[in-house]
C-alpha atoms as a PDB file:
ATOM      1  CA  MET A   1     136.673  80.356 102.944  1.00  0.00           C
ATOM      2  CA  SER A   2     139.814  82.625 102.459  1.00  0.00           C
ATOM      3  CA  LYS A   3     140.977  84.910 105.306  1.00  0.00           C
ATOM      4  CA  ASN A   4     140.114  88.052 103.413  1.00  0.00           C
ATOM      5  CA  TYR A   5     136.836  87.056 102.538  1.00  0.00           C
ATOM      6  CA  LEU A   6     136.164  85.626 106.350  1.00  0.00           C
ATOM      7  CA  ARG A   7     137.186  89.423 107.231  1.00  0.00           C
ATOM      8  CA  TYR A   8     134.858  90.942 104.690  1.00  0.00           C
ATOM      9  CA  PHE A   9     131.974  88.775 106.187  1.00  0.00           C
ATOM     10  CA  LEU A  10     132.756  89.899 109.656  1.00  0.00           C
ATOM     11  CA  ASN A  11     132.848  93.555 108.488  1.00  0.00           C
ATOM     12  CA  LYS A  12     129.554  93.331 107.093  1.00  0.00           C
ATOM     13  CA  LEU A  13     128.000  91.571 109.804  1.00  0.00           C
ATOM     14  CA  ALA A  14     129.154  94.351 112.311  1.00  0.00           C
ATOM     15  CA  TRP A  15     127.702  97.024 109.982  1.00  0.00           C
ATOM     16  CA  LEU A  16     124.334  95.089 110.473  1.00  0.00           C
ATOM     17  CA  LEU A  17     124.619  94.992 114.244  1.00  0.00           C
ATOM     18  CA  VAL A  18     125.312  98.764 114.081  1.00  0.00           C
ATOM     19  CA  THR A  19     122.233  99.701 111.940  1.00  0.00           C
ATOM     20  CA  ALA A  20     120.130  97.363 114.060  1.00  0.00           C
ATOM     21  CA  ILE A  21     120.996  99.316 117.159  1.00  0.00           C
ATOM     22  CA  PHE A  22     119.991 102.482 115.488  1.00  0.00           C
ATOM     23  CA  ALA A  23     116.993 100.855 113.883  1.00  0.00           C
ATOM     24  CA  PHE A  24     116.109 100.135 117.351  1.00  0.00           C
ATOM     25  CA  ILE A  25     116.808 103.736 118.699  1.00  0.00           C
ATOM     26  CA  LEU A  26     114.678 105.391 116.071  1.00  0.00           C
ATOM     27  CA  ASN A  27     112.097 102.449 116.297  1.00  0.00           C
ATOM     28  CA  PHE A  28     111.365 103.568 119.744  1.00  0.00           C
ATOM     29  CA  THR A  29     111.779 107.369 119.243  1.00  0.00           C
ATOM     30  CA  LEU A  30     109.827 108.185 116.068  1.00  0.00           C
ATOM     31  CA  PRO A  31     106.216 106.774 117.487  1.00  0.00           C
ATOM     32  CA  ARG A  32     106.462 109.024 120.525  1.00  0.00           C
ATOM     33  CA  LEU A  33     107.076 111.963 118.658  1.00  0.00           C
ATOM     34  CA  MET A  34     103.290 111.688 117.560  1.00  0.00           C
ATOM     35  CA  PRO A  35     101.105 114.208 118.895  1.00  0.00           C
ATOM     36  CA  GLY A  36      98.678 113.534 121.674  1.00  0.00           C
ATOM     37  CA  ASP A  37      98.489 111.148 124.284  1.00  0.00           C
ATOM     38  CA  PRO A  38      97.339 107.670 123.798  1.00  0.00           C
ATOM     39  CA  VAL A  39      96.780 106.748 127.488  1.00  0.00           C
ATOM     40  CA  ALA A  40      94.292 109.436 127.885  1.00  0.00           C
ATOM     41  CA  ALA A  41      92.484 108.115 124.994  1.00  0.00           C
ATOM     42  CA  ILE A  42      92.264 104.546 126.678  1.00  0.00           C
ATOM     43  CA  THR A  43      91.156 106.301 129.620  1.00  0.00           C
ATOM     44  CA  ALA A  44      88.422 108.320 128.000  1.00  0.00           C
ATOM     45  CA  ARG A  45      87.348 105.099 126.349  1.00  0.00           C
ATOM     46  CA  ILE A  46      87.268 103.018 129.910  1.00  0.00           C
ATOM     47  CA  ALA A  47      85.856 106.058 131.965  1.00  0.00           C
ATOM     48  CA  GLN A  48      83.161 106.696 129.245  1.00  0.00           C
ATOM     49  CA  GLY A  49      80.231 108.182 131.606  1.00  0.00           C
ATOM     50  CA  MET A  50      81.965 108.679 134.605  1.00  0.00           C
ATOM     51  CA  SER A  51      81.894 112.048 135.956  1.00  0.00           C
ATOM     52  CA  ASN A  52      84.248 111.528 138.811  1.00  0.00           C
ATOM     53  CA  THR A  53      87.032 113.567 138.037  1.00  0.00           C
ATOM     54  CA  THR A  54      89.298 112.189 140.855  1.00  0.00           C
ATOM     55  CA  GLY A  55      88.136 108.385 139.499  1.00  0.00           C
ATOM     56  CA  MET A  56      89.097 109.614 136.117  1.00  0.00           C
ATOM     57  CA  LYS A  57      92.640 110.439 137.435  1.00  0.00           C
ATOM     58  CA  GLU A  58      93.097 107.337 139.049  1.00  0.00           C
ATOM     59  CA  VAL A  59      92.324 105.324 136.149  1.00  0.00           C
ATOM     60  CA  TYR A  60      94.676 107.600 134.028  1.00  0.00           C
ATOM     61  CA  GLU A  61      97.519 107.018 136.405  1.00  0.00           C
ATOM     62  CA  ARG A  62      97.145 103.623 136.765  1.00  0.00           C
ATOM     63  CA  TYR A  63      97.381 103.201 132.762  1.00  0.00           C
ATOM     64  CA  ALA A  64     100.035 105.435 132.730  1.00  0.00           C
ATOM     65  CA  GLU A  65     102.132 103.257 135.438  1.00  0.00           C
ATOM     66  CA  GLN A  66     101.095 100.115 133.581  1.00  0.00           C
ATOM     67  CA  PHE A  67     102.252 101.277 129.867  1.00  0.00           C
ATOM     68  CA  GLY A  68     105.312 103.440 131.547  1.00  0.00           C
ATOM     69  CA  THR A  69     104.675 106.266 130.227  1.00  0.00           C
ATOM     70  CA  ASN A  70     104.869 108.344 133.204  1.00  0.00           C
ATOM     71  CA  LYS A  71     108.684 107.287 133.583  1.00  0.00           C
ATOM     72  CA  PRO A  72     111.542 109.440 132.027  1.00  0.00           C
ATOM     73  CA  ILE A  73     112.431 108.555 128.434  1.00  0.00           C
ATOM     74  CA  HIS A  74     115.583 106.713 129.056  1.00  0.00           C
ATOM     75  CA  GLU A  75     113.900 104.568 131.647  1.00  0.00           C
ATOM     76  CA  GLN A  76     111.112 103.843 129.049  1.00  0.00           C
ATOM     77  CA  PHE A  77     113.799 102.600 126.454  1.00  0.00           C
ATOM     78  CA  LEU A  78     115.805 100.279 128.660  1.00  0.00           C
ATOM     79  CA  ILE A  79     112.396  98.783 129.463  1.00  0.00           C
ATOM     80  CA  TYR A  80     111.461  98.564 125.729  1.00  0.00           C
ATOM     81  CA  MET A  81     114.814  96.989 125.059  1.00  0.00           C
ATOM     82  CA  LYS A  82     114.631  94.498 127.849  1.00  0.00           C
ATOM     83  CA  ASN A  83     110.733  93.534 126.538  1.00  0.00           C
ATOM     84  CA  ILE A  84     112.023  93.169 123.185  1.00  0.00           C
ATOM     85  CA  LEU A  85     114.749  90.884 123.915  1.00  0.00           C
ATOM     86  CA  GLN A  86     112.170  88.635 125.788  1.00  0.00           C
ATOM     87  CA  GLY A  87     110.135  88.646 122.833  1.00  0.00           C
ATOM     88  CA  ASN A  88     107.564  91.194 124.597  1.00  0.00           C
ATOM     89  CA  PHE A  89     106.184  94.035 122.350  1.00  0.00           C
ATOM     90  CA  GLY A  90     103.653  95.067 125.307  1.00  0.00           C
ATOM     91  CA  THR A  91     100.251  95.648 125.552  1.00  0.00           C
ATOM     92  CA  SER A  92      98.053  97.476 122.375  1.00  0.00           C
ATOM     93  CA  PHE A  93      97.026 100.851 123.134  1.00  0.00           C
ATOM     94  CA  SER A  94      94.235 100.515 120.697  1.00  0.00           C
ATOM     95  CA  GLN A  95      93.052  97.184 121.447  1.00  0.00           C
ATOM     96  CA  TYR A  96      93.825  96.906 125.023  1.00  0.00           C
ATOM     97  CA  PRO A  97      94.151  94.648 126.780  1.00  0.00           C
ATOM     98  CA  ARG A  98      95.432  92.389 123.782  1.00  0.00           C
ATOM     99  CA  PRO A  99      99.018  91.558 123.853  1.00  0.00           C
ATOM    100  CA  VAL A 100     100.913  93.263 120.441  1.00  0.00           C
ATOM    101  CA  ALA A 101     102.681  89.854 120.210  1.00  0.00           C
ATOM    102  CA  ASP A 102      99.049  88.157 119.653  1.00  0.00           C
ATOM    103  CA  ILE A 103      97.930  90.973 116.803  1.00  0.00           C
ATOM    104  CA  ILE A 104     101.165  90.720 115.065  1.00  0.00           C
ATOM    105  CA  ARG A 105     100.808  86.785 114.862  1.00  0.00           C
ATOM    106  CA  ALA A 106      97.231  86.595 113.654  1.00  0.00           C
ATOM    107  CA  SER A 107      97.872  89.217 111.070  1.00  0.00           C
ATOM    108  CA  ILE A 108     101.499  88.428 109.677  1.00  0.00           C
ATOM    109  CA  VAL A 109     100.327  85.372 108.321  1.00  0.00           C
ATOM    110  CA  TRP A 110      97.623  86.821 106.093  1.00  0.00           C
ATOM    111  CA  THR A 111     100.692  89.350 104.827  1.00  0.00           C
ATOM    112  CA  VAL A 112     103.315  86.424 104.223  1.00  0.00           C
ATOM    113  CA  ALA A 113     100.313  84.433 102.319  1.00  0.00           C
ATOM    114  CA  LEU A 114      99.307  87.436 100.162  1.00  0.00           C
ATOM    115  CA  GLN A 115     102.617  88.595  99.507  1.00  0.00           C
ATOM    116  CA  PHE A 116     105.286  86.076  99.202  1.00  0.00           C
ATOM    117  CA  PRO A 117     103.467  84.215  96.354  1.00  0.00           C
ATOM    118  CA  ALA A 118     102.606  87.643  94.744  1.00  0.00           C
ATOM    119  CA  ILE A 119     106.142  88.571  94.644  1.00  0.00           C
ATOM    120  CA  ILE A 120     107.424  85.212  93.557  1.00  0.00           C
ATOM    121  CA  VAL A 121     104.766  84.860  90.527  1.00  0.00           C
ATOM    122  CA  GLY A 122     105.271  88.539  89.530  1.00  0.00           C
ATOM    123  CA  TRP A 123     109.066  88.068  89.644  1.00  0.00           C
ATOM    124  CA  ILE A 124     108.862  84.940  87.251  1.00  0.00           C
ATOM    125  CA  ILE A 125     106.278  86.274  84.898  1.00  0.00           C
ATOM    126  CA  GLY A 126     107.919  89.520  84.639  1.00  0.00           C
ATOM    127  CA  ASN A 127     111.669  88.184  84.285  1.00  0.00           C
ATOM    128  CA  ALA A 128     110.246  85.437  81.322  1.00  0.00           C
ATOM    129  CA  LEU A 129     108.536  88.514  79.677  1.00  0.00           C
ATOM    130  CA  GLY A 130     111.446  90.814  79.864  1.00  0.00           C
ATOM    131  CA  ALA A 131     113.896  88.016  78.514  1.00  0.00           C
ATOM    132  CA  MET A 132     111.412  87.054  75.595  1.00  0.00           C
ATOM    133  CA  ALA A 133     111.345  90.734  74.880  1.00  0.00           C
ATOM    134  CA  ALA A 134     115.032  91.306  74.512  1.00  0.00           C
ATOM    135  CA  TYR A 135     115.410  87.926  72.685  1.00  0.00           C
ATOM    136  CA  LEU A 136     112.416  87.872  70.022  1.00  0.00           C
ATOM    137  CA  LYS A 137     112.374  91.911  69.810  1.00  0.00           C
ATOM    138  CA  LYS A 138     110.146  92.919  66.746  1.00  0.00           C
ATOM    139  CA  GLY A 139     106.333  92.959  67.608  1.00  0.00           C
ATOM    140  CA  PHE A 140     106.693  91.381  70.875  1.00  0.00           C
ATOM    141  CA  ASP A 141     109.168  93.940  72.488  1.00  0.00           C
ATOM    142  CA  LYS A 142     106.835  96.534  70.875  1.00  0.00           C
ATOM    143  CA  VAL A 143     103.692  95.545  72.514  1.00  0.00           C
ATOM    144  CA  LEU A 144     105.237  94.500  75.952  1.00  0.00           C
ATOM    145  CA  MET A 145     107.310  97.559  76.752  1.00  0.00           C
ATOM    146  CA  PRO A 146     104.838 100.346  76.572  1.00  0.00           C
ATOM    147  CA  ILE A 147     102.555  97.960  78.835  1.00  0.00           C
ATOM    148  CA  SER A 148     105.179  97.392  81.102  1.00  0.00           C
ATOM    149  CA  ILE A 149     106.335 101.053  81.487  1.00  0.00           C
ATOM    150  CA  PHE A 150     102.863 102.051  82.002  1.00  0.00           C
ATOM    151  CA  VAL A 151     102.111  99.284  84.657  1.00  0.00           C
ATOM    152  CA  SER A 152     105.509  99.769  86.698  1.00  0.00           C
ATOM    153  CA  ASN A 153     104.832 103.502  86.799  1.00  0.00           C
ATOM    154  CA  PHE A 154     100.944 103.091  87.831  1.00  0.00           C
ATOM    155  CA  PRO A 155     100.397 103.642  91.519  1.00  0.00           C
ATOM    156  CA  ALA A 156      99.536 100.794  93.731  1.00  0.00           C
ATOM    157  CA  PHE A 157      96.463 102.275  95.060  1.00  0.00           C
ATOM    158  CA  GLY A 158      95.482 102.945  91.601  1.00  0.00           C
ATOM    159  CA  MET A 159      95.806  99.497  90.178  1.00  0.00           C
ATOM    160  CA  ALA A 160      94.012  98.221  93.363  1.00  0.00           C
ATOM    161  CA  ILE A 161      91.182 100.857  92.753  1.00  0.00           C
ATOM    162  CA  ILE A 162      90.733 100.124  89.011  1.00  0.00           C
ATOM    163  CA  LEU A 163      90.402  95.976  89.919  1.00  0.00           C
ATOM    164  CA  MET A 164      88.343  96.874  92.359  1.00  0.00           C
ATOM    165  CA  VAL A 165      85.871  98.784  90.393  1.00  0.00           C
ATOM    166  CA  ILE A 166      86.027  96.689  87.281  1.00  0.00           C
ATOM    167  CA  PHE A 167      85.958  92.970  88.992  1.00  0.00           C
ATOM    168  CA  ALA A 168      84.263  93.808  92.505  1.00  0.00           C
ATOM    169  CA  VAL A 169      81.891  96.921  91.448  1.00  0.00           C
ATOM    170  CA  ASN A 170      80.605  96.422  88.064  1.00  0.00           C
ATOM    171  CA  LEU A 171      81.178  92.872  87.071  1.00  0.00           C
ATOM    172  CA  LYS A 172      80.728  91.527  90.942  1.00  0.00           C
ATOM    173  CA  TRP A 173      83.175  88.612  90.626  1.00  0.00           C
ATOM    174  CA  PHE A 174      84.859  89.103  93.634  1.00  0.00           C
ATOM    175  CA  PRO A 175      84.308  91.087  97.225  1.00  0.00           C
ATOM    176  CA  THR A 176      85.487  94.714  97.569  1.00  0.00           C
ATOM    177  CA  SER A 177      86.990  93.819 101.093  1.00  0.00           C
ATOM    178  CA  GLY A 178      87.858  91.685 103.798  1.00  0.00           C
ATOM    179  CA  GLY A 179      90.071  88.338 104.054  1.00  0.00           C
ATOM    180  CA  TYR A 180      86.824  86.114 104.133  1.00  0.00           C
ATOM    181  CA  GLY A 181      83.093  86.529 104.726  1.00  0.00           C
ATOM    182  CA  PHE A 182      81.918  88.823 107.545  1.00  0.00           C
ATOM    183  CA  ASN A 183      79.324  86.263 108.545  1.00  0.00           C
ATOM    184  CA  LEU A 184      82.006  83.388 108.617  1.00  0.00           C
ATOM    185  CA  ILE A 185      84.225  81.976 111.581  1.00  0.00           C
ATOM    186  CA  PRO A 186      87.411  80.866 110.432  1.00  0.00           C
ATOM    187  CA  ASN A 187      87.594  77.113 110.142  1.00  0.00           C
ATOM    188  CA  PHE A 188      88.820  74.510 107.710  1.00  0.00           C
ATOM    189  CA  SER A 189      85.195  74.167 106.114  1.00  0.00           C
ATOM    190  CA  TRP A 190      84.911  74.242 102.307  1.00  0.00           C
ATOM    191  CA  GLU A 191      82.739  77.198 102.707  1.00  0.00           C
ATOM    192  CA  PHE A 192      85.259  79.302 104.635  1.00  0.00           C
ATOM    193  CA  ILE A 193      88.225  78.327 102.358  1.00  0.00           C
ATOM    194  CA  TRP A 194      86.526  79.222  99.049  1.00  0.00           C
ATOM    195  CA  SER A 195      85.527  82.643 100.715  1.00  0.00           C
ATOM    196  CA  VAL A 196      89.330  83.184 101.612  1.00  0.00           C
ATOM    197  CA  ILE A 197      90.405  82.204  98.050  1.00  0.00           C
ATOM    198  CA  VAL A 198      87.753  84.792  96.439  1.00  0.00           C
ATOM    199  CA  HIS A 199      88.949  87.627  98.726  1.00  0.00           C
ATOM    200  CA  TYR A 200      92.488  86.908  97.868  1.00  0.00           C
ATOM    201  CA  GLN A 201      91.853  87.391  94.203  1.00  0.00           C
ATOM    202  CA  LEU A 202      92.110  91.380  93.945  1.00  0.00           C
ATOM    203  CA  PRO A 203      94.770  92.327  96.498  1.00  0.00           C
ATOM    204  CA  PHE A 204      96.715  89.251  94.922  1.00  0.00           C
ATOM    205  CA  TRP A 205      96.713  90.665  91.322  1.00  0.00           C
ATOM    206  CA  SER A 206      96.756  93.952  92.201  1.00  0.00           C
ATOM    207  CA  ILE A 207     100.237  93.470  93.626  1.00  0.00           C
ATOM    208  CA  VAL A 208     101.568  90.849  90.821  1.00  0.00           C
ATOM    209  CA  LEU A 209     100.608  93.436  87.955  1.00  0.00           C
ATOM    210  CA  ILE A 210     102.772  95.912  89.496  1.00  0.00           C
ATOM    211  CA  ILE A 211     105.828  93.993  89.773  1.00  0.00           C
ATOM    212  CA  ILE A 212     105.581  92.282  86.860  1.00  0.00           C
ATOM    213  CA  GLY A 213     105.665  95.812  84.869  1.00  0.00           C
ATOM    214  CA  GLY A 214     109.267  96.526  87.027  1.00  0.00           C
ATOM    215  CA  GLN A 215     110.548  93.123  86.612  1.00  0.00           C
ATOM    216  CA  ALA A 216     110.107  93.020  82.738  1.00  0.00           C
ATOM    217  CA  ILE A 217     111.789  96.267  82.312  1.00  0.00           C
ATOM    218  CA  GLY A 218     114.915  95.519  84.169  1.00  0.00           C
ATOM    219  CA  MET A 219     115.300  92.026  82.720  1.00  0.00           C
ATOM    220  CA  ARG A 220     114.981  93.169  79.169  1.00  0.00           C
ATOM    221  CA  SER A 221     117.732  95.864  79.739  1.00  0.00           C
ATOM    222  CA  MET A 222     119.952  93.320  81.567  1.00  0.00           C
ATOM    223  CA  SER A 223     119.392  90.969  78.733  1.00  0.00           C
ATOM    224  CA  ILE A 224     119.950  93.450  75.905  1.00  0.00           C
ATOM    225  CA  TYR A 225     123.390  94.771  77.471  1.00  0.00           C
ATOM    226  CA  GLU A 226     124.455  90.728  77.900  1.00  0.00           C
ATOM    227  CA  LEU A 227     123.353  89.865  74.378  1.00  0.00           C
ATOM    228  CA  ASN A 228     125.403  92.773  72.878  1.00  0.00           C
ATOM    229  CA  ALA A 229     128.669  91.812  75.235  1.00  0.00           C
ATOM    230  CA  ASP A 230     131.979  90.921  73.472  1.00  0.00           C
ATOM    231  CA  TYR A 231     131.775  87.269  74.996  1.00  0.00           C
ATOM    232  CA  VAL A 232     128.369  86.813  73.176  1.00  0.00           C
ATOM    233  CA  LYS A 233     129.937  88.001  69.623  1.00  0.00           C
ATOM    234  CA  TYR A 234     133.046  85.807  70.135  1.00  0.00           C
ATOM    235  CA  ALA A 235     131.047  82.719  71.106  1.00  0.00           C
ATOM    236  CA  ARG A 236     128.443  83.193  67.878  1.00  0.00           C
ATOM    237  CA  PHE A 237     132.027  83.760  66.070  1.00  0.00           C
ATOM    238  CA  LEU A 238     133.126  80.573  67.279  1.00  0.00           C
ATOM    239  CA  GLY A 239     129.729  78.732  66.137  1.00  0.00           C
ATOM    240  CA  ILE A 240     128.593  77.912  69.272  1.00  0.00           C
ATOM    241  CA  LYS A 241     125.047  77.200  69.262  1.00  0.00           C
ATOM    242  CA  ASP A 242     122.613  79.871  70.077  1.00  0.00           C
ATOM    243  CA  ARG A 243     120.502  78.023  73.277  1.00  0.00           C
ATOM    244  CA  VAL A 244     124.007  77.739  74.846  1.00  0.00           C
ATOM    245  CA  ILE A 245     124.638  81.104  74.780  1.00  0.00           C
ATOM    246  CA  VAL A 246     121.396  82.296  75.625  1.00  0.00           C
ATOM    247  CA  ARG A 247     121.417  80.013  78.585  1.00  0.00           C
ATOM    248  CA  TYR A 248     124.922  82.176  79.788  1.00  0.00           C
ATOM    249  CA  VAL A 249     123.389  85.828  78.563  1.00  0.00           C
ATOM    250  CA  PHE A 250     120.030  84.925  80.911  1.00  0.00           C
ATOM    251  CA  ARG A 251     122.233  83.757  83.928  1.00  0.00           C
ATOM    252  CA  ASN A 252     124.199  86.867  83.936  1.00  0.00           C
ATOM    253  CA  ALA A 253     121.423  88.635  83.371  1.00  0.00           C
ATOM    254  CA  MET A 254     119.625  87.544  86.095  1.00  0.00           C
ATOM    255  CA  LEU A 255     122.076  88.954  89.133  1.00  0.00           C
ATOM    256  CA  PRO A 256     120.458  92.189  89.461  1.00  0.00           C
ATOM    257  CA  GLN A 257     116.785  90.714  89.231  1.00  0.00           C
ATOM    258  CA  ILE A 258     117.915  88.430  92.305  1.00  0.00           C
ATOM    259  CA  THR A 259     118.971  91.456  94.252  1.00  0.00           C
ATOM    260  CA  GLY A 260     115.261  92.934  93.594  1.00  0.00           C
ATOM    261  CA  LEU A 261     113.673  89.744  94.507  1.00  0.00           C
ATOM    262  CA  ALA A 262     115.592  89.818  98.115  1.00  0.00           C
ATOM    263  CA  LEU A 263     114.801  93.222  98.977  1.00  0.00           C
ATOM    264  CA  SER A 264     111.017  92.725  97.966  1.00  0.00           C
ATOM    265  CA  ILE A 265     110.622  89.825 100.068  1.00  0.00           C
ATOM    266  CA  GLY A 266     112.690  91.704 102.579  1.00  0.00           C
ATOM    267  CA  THR A 267     110.159  94.705 102.437  1.00  0.00           C
ATOM    268  CA  MET A 268     107.061  92.698 101.766  1.00  0.00           C
ATOM    269  CA  VAL A 269     105.516  93.823 104.855  1.00  0.00           C
ATOM    270  CA  SER A 270     105.656  97.570 103.932  1.00  0.00           C
ATOM    271  CA  GLY A 271     104.627  96.512 100.419  1.00  0.00           C
ATOM    272  CA  ALA A 272     101.789  94.887 101.585  1.00  0.00           C
ATOM    273  CA  LEU A 273     100.253  98.507 103.222  1.00  0.00           C
ATOM    274  CA  VAL A 274      98.593 100.044 100.012  1.00  0.00           C
ATOM    275  CA  ALA A 275      96.691  96.618  98.921  1.00  0.00           C
ATOM    276  CA  GLU A 276      95.698  95.797 102.458  1.00  0.00           C
ATOM    277  CA  ILE A 277      94.176  99.338 103.116  1.00  0.00           C
ATOM    278  CA  VAL A 278      92.232  99.510  99.942  1.00  0.00           C
ATOM    279  CA  PHE A 279      90.797  95.979 100.412  1.00  0.00           C
ATOM    280  CA  SER A 280      90.694  96.153 104.154  1.00  0.00           C
ATOM    281  CA  TYR A 281      92.863  93.006 103.981  1.00  0.00           C
ATOM    282  CA  PRO A 282      93.222  91.759 107.683  1.00  0.00           C
ATOM    283  CA  GLY A 283      97.222  91.714 107.104  1.00  0.00           C
ATOM    284  CA  LEU A 284     100.211  93.401 108.821  1.00  0.00           C
ATOM    285  CA  GLY A 285     100.000  96.353 106.832  1.00  0.00           C
ATOM    286  CA  TYR A 286      96.301  97.057 107.648  1.00  0.00           C
ATOM    287  CA  THR A 287      97.105  96.574 111.348  1.00  0.00           C
ATOM    288  CA  MET A 288      99.593  98.861 111.367  1.00  0.00           C
ATOM    289  CA  LEU A 289      97.401 101.652 109.704  1.00  0.00           C
ATOM    290  CA  ASN A 290      94.962 101.149 112.683  1.00  0.00           C
ATOM    291  CA  GLY A 291      97.863 101.463 115.106  1.00  0.00           C
ATOM    292  CA  VAL A 292      99.178 104.571 113.698  1.00  0.00           C
ATOM    293  CA  MET A 293      95.307 106.012 113.580  1.00  0.00           C
ATOM    294  CA  GLY A 294      95.017 104.568 117.383  1.00  0.00           C
ATOM    295  CA  GLN A 295      98.591 106.237 118.302  1.00  0.00           C
ATOM    296  CA  ASP A 296      99.415 102.508 119.506  1.00  0.00           C
ATOM    297  CA  TYR A 297     103.050 103.070 120.251  1.00  0.00           C
ATOM    298  CA  PRO A 298     103.828  99.250 121.022  1.00  0.00           C
ATOM    299  CA  LEU A 299     101.815  98.252 117.947  1.00  0.00           C
ATOM    300  CA  ILE A 300     103.685 100.735 115.493  1.00  0.00           C
ATOM    301  CA  SER A 301     107.190  99.998 117.043  1.00  0.00           C
ATOM    302  CA  ALA A 302     106.641  96.503 116.787  1.00  0.00           C
ATOM    303  CA  VAL A 303     105.569  96.346 112.881  1.00  0.00           C
ATOM    304  CA  THR A 304     108.359  98.778 111.978  1.00  0.00           C
ATOM    305  CA  LEU A 305     110.917  96.871 113.927  1.00  0.00           C
ATOM    306  CA  ILE A 306     109.637  93.658 111.811  1.00  0.00           C
ATOM    307  CA  ILE A 307     110.200  95.474 108.488  1.00  0.00           C
ATOM    308  CA  THR A 308     113.348  96.806 109.521  1.00  0.00           C
ATOM    309  CA  ILE A 309     114.847  93.407 110.763  1.00  0.00           C
ATOM    310  CA  MET A 310     113.539  91.800 107.301  1.00  0.00           C
ATOM    311  CA  THR A 311     114.953  94.673 105.300  1.00  0.00           C
ATOM    312  CA  LEU A 312     118.584  94.770 107.006  1.00  0.00           C
ATOM    313  CA  VAL A 313     118.611  90.412 107.012  1.00  0.00           C
ATOM    314  CA  ALA A 314     117.763  90.658 103.222  1.00  0.00           C
ATOM    315  CA  ASN A 315     120.592  93.231 102.265  1.00  0.00           C
ATOM    316  CA  PHE A 316     123.256  91.029 104.244  1.00  0.00           C
ATOM    317  CA  ALA A 317     121.801  88.047 102.771  1.00  0.00           C
ATOM    318  CA  ILE A 318     122.041  89.391  99.051  1.00  0.00           C
ATOM    319  CA  GLU A 319     125.467  90.885  99.753  1.00  0.00           C
ATOM    320  CA  ILE A 320     126.623  87.179 100.921  1.00  0.00           C
ATOM    321  CA  LEU A 321     124.546  85.269  98.291  1.00  0.00           C
ATOM    322  CA  TYR A 322     126.032  87.741  95.464  1.00  0.00           C
ATOM    323  CA  GLY A 323     129.259  86.415  96.109  1.00  0.00           C
ATOM    324  CA  ILE A 324     128.466  83.013  96.002  1.00  0.00           C
ATOM    325  CA  ILE A 325     126.523  83.066  92.848  1.00  0.00           C
ATOM    326  CA  ASP A 326     129.187  85.442  90.963  1.00  0.00           C
ATOM    327  CA  PRO A 327     132.699  84.641  91.435  1.00  0.00           C
ATOM    328  CA  ARG A 328     133.869  88.225  89.770  1.00  0.00           C
ATOM    329  CA  ILE A 329     132.045  89.828  92.678  1.00  0.00           C
ATOM    330  CA  LYS A 330     133.309  87.563  95.244  1.00  0.00           C
ATOM    331  CA  ALA A 331     137.211  88.279  93.970  1.00  0.00           C
ATOM    332  CA  ALA A 332     136.016  92.082  94.463  1.00  0.00           C
ATOM    333  CA  GLN A 333     134.678  91.400  98.129  1.00  0.00           C
ATOM    334  CA  THR A 334     137.402  89.384  99.019  1.00  0.00           C
ATOM    335  CA  GLU A 335     139.894  92.398  97.893  1.00  0.00           C
ATOM    336  CA  GLN A 336     137.777  94.709  99.990  1.00  0.00           C
ATOM    337  CA  GLY A 337     138.693  92.700 103.180  1.00  0.00           C
ATOM    338  CA  ALA A 338     142.202  92.754 102.544  1.00  0.00           C
END
């Protein structure tokens, strides 16, 4: 690694840390700007039926002390930072007294299992279709592109609802909501696994179809640009076989698509929100919605922090990987570090 490239790398790393600090501050501040008093809501829920005003006040003060909401905002921030660095996201307001870390641990598995395969499958199929459209042209391109444009611009919730109406409500092939049957307890039995697979299909394909459209359009455009580049014309003039040229063309066209893939993976938690809400899928997106509805500051902060950190790390990783994949970009990055 050259000295200039090392300087570029450290510069990017420093910006990552600065951005992460601002993200921590915003992550703490924004949920607390929401109207309402979540401690009062907990007190009302716990002290339901209690007519003793003094007793309710004592309950309120006890929970305000426990959650730290009776302290000045800067003290709350210091406590928040100290807890985060220790991996402690606090106690959930809406699911009291359950720790936030437990809620996230239970729901993030569903989100990753849903989003990661959907992103990869949609990315592979979309890029393959886009490359074929650019190379084959004619009828294939004329049919694929209008469909891709229509699907990619379709709202995610609209796609989810259409699939639900067709395959769950009318055909009754799949259930309308949940991650598994409501009458089942999670275990490794075939009945439970089959129930998970069946409930998985509609949220999965609602995400895949949207991704396919966007990736196909991007790959087609980049492939057409590369196929008309001077080096391709020169290679054909020299009589180099078409399959060799196509291999280089699609490798160059893949670079922006790899960026899109990294960003999609980095933001997959936020991307899960729509599908998980429509299908009541028990992932992190659905958990976050419940946190917002219940004014659950610790839960909202923890989820948004995970989204932010994943996005920052994905952006940083793609900046570095881009230089490794493409020597031209690495040369430009090295010049920036000079």
